[in-house]
Amino acid sequence: MVRWLSSALRWIAVLPACVLSAVIVLFPIHWVVLIGTGLFSRTGLYEGQGCCSIWDIPPEALERGIDAVFVPATLIYTAAWVAPAGISAPRSLWPFS
């Protein structure tokens, strides 16, 4: 395939890949927050020691706060992975190399 066509197709794939990765990362966060608040909050099954914990925060607020950190990080990571790299950047283990 022509090099410029390959590069153009990768740039076209950046946005759908980022949106898909953001949606995929939302599900585990949602599950962890609901299970955690259900089991470890003061009104849940386990009555923990101490005055308060992160699980006492309302689930909606806790989920939004965690989403605010993980969704942009996932978008940036996915965009960096899908976007065309320069000639000198190896794609085999990048960005872990």
Protein backbone atom coordinates (compact mmCIF):
# COMPACT_ATOMS: atom_id res chain seq x y z
CA MET A 1 0.00 0.00 0.00
CA VAL A 2 1.18 3.50 -0.70
CA ARG A 3 2.79 5.02 2.37
CA TRP A 4 0.66 8.18 2.38
CA LEU A 5 -2.55 6.13 2.04
CA SER A 6 -1.59 3.99 5.01
CA SER A 7 -0.85 7.11 7.03
CA ALA A 8 -4.15 8.73 6.00
CA LEU A 9 -6.16 5.65 6.94
CA ARG A 10 -4.51 5.54 10.35
CA TRP A 11 -5.37 9.20 10.98
CA ILE A 12 -8.97 8.50 9.96
CA ALA A 13 -9.07 5.60 12.44
CA VAL A 14 -7.86 7.69 15.39
CA LEU A 15 -11.21 9.19 16.43
CA PRO A 16 -13.32 6.00 16.24
CA ALA A 17 -10.62 4.07 18.10
CA CYS A 18 -10.47 6.72 20.83
CA VAL A 19 -14.25 6.78 21.27
CA LEU A 20 -14.41 2.99 21.41
CA SER A 21 -11.60 2.79 23.97
CA ALA A 22 -13.29 5.44 26.15
CA VAL A 23 -16.55 3.49 26.14
CA ILE A 24 -14.72 0.26 26.94
CA VAL A 25 -12.89 1.80 29.92
CA LEU A 26 -16.15 3.15 31.39
CA PHE A 27 -17.63 -0.29 32.07
CA PRO A 28 -14.99 -1.65 34.50
CA ILE A 29 -14.95 1.67 36.36
CA HIS A 30 -18.72 1.50 36.73
CA TRP A 31 -18.60 -2.08 37.99
CA VAL A 32 -15.81 -1.41 40.51
CA VAL A 33 -17.57 1.67 41.89
CA LEU A 34 -20.94 -0.06 42.28
CA ILE A 35 -19.48 -3.21 43.82
CA GLY A 36 -17.20 -1.19 46.10
CA THR A 37 -19.91 1.15 47.34
CA GLY A 38 -22.28 -1.77 47.80
CA LEU A 39 -19.84 -3.86 49.84
CA PHE A 40 -17.63 -1.41 51.68
CA SER A 41 -19.72 1.68 52.42
CA ARG A 42 -21.17 2.15 55.89
CA THR A 43 -24.60 1.16 54.63
CA GLY A 44 -23.26 -1.86 52.71
CA LEU A 45 -22.62 -5.43 53.78
CA TYR A 46 -19.28 -4.76 55.45
CA GLU A 47 -19.15 -2.27 58.32
CA GLY A 48 -15.58 -0.97 58.24
CA GLN A 49 -13.65 0.60 61.09
CA GLY A 50 -12.91 4.32 61.12
CA CYS A 51 -14.96 7.38 60.41
CA CYS A 52 -15.19 7.42 56.63
CA SER A 53 -13.69 5.94 53.48
CA ILE A 54 -13.71 6.57 49.76
CA TRP A 55 -16.65 4.19 49.45
CA ASP A 56 -18.87 6.54 51.49
CA ILE A 57 -18.86 9.03 48.61
CA PRO A 58 -22.06 8.78 46.54
CA PRO A 59 -21.50 6.36 43.64
CA GLU A 60 -22.35 8.93 40.94
CA ALA A 61 -19.81 11.44 42.24
CA LEU A 62 -17.14 8.79 42.75
CA GLU A 63 -17.66 7.41 39.26
CA ARG A 64 -17.48 10.86 37.67
CA GLY A 65 -14.26 11.63 39.53
CA ILE A 66 -12.60 8.40 38.46
CA ASP A 67 -13.88 8.82 34.89
CA ALA A 68 -12.33 12.29 34.79
CA VAL A 69 -8.90 10.72 35.28
CA PHE A 70 -9.08 7.49 33.28
CA VAL A 71 -11.07 8.52 30.18
CA PRO A 72 -8.71 11.34 29.04
CA ALA A 73 -5.69 9.14 29.78
CA THR A 74 -7.22 6.35 27.70
CA LEU A 75 -8.01 8.76 24.85
CA ILE A 76 -4.45 10.07 24.77
CA TYR A 77 -2.92 6.60 24.98
CA THR A 78 -5.16 5.23 22.22
CA ALA A 79 -4.58 8.22 19.94
CA ALA A 80 -0.82 7.87 20.40
CA TRP A 81 -1.04 4.17 19.61
CA VAL A 82 -3.23 4.45 16.50
CA ALA A 83 -1.82 7.63 14.95
CA PRO A 84 0.95 7.15 12.40
CA ALA A 85 4.40 7.12 13.93
CA GLY A 86 7.51 8.58 12.41
CA ILE A 87 10.05 6.44 10.62
CA SER A 88 12.32 6.23 13.68
CA ALA A 89 9.63 5.02 16.13
CA PRO A 90 9.41 1.23 16.33
CA ARG A 91 5.83 -0.05 16.62
CA SER A 92 6.62 -3.47 18.10
CA LEU A 93 6.80 -2.62 21.81
CA TRP A 94 6.00 1.08 21.68
CA PRO A 95 5.22 2.80 24.11
CA PHE A 96 6.65 0.23 26.52
CA SER A 97 10.11 0.06 24.98
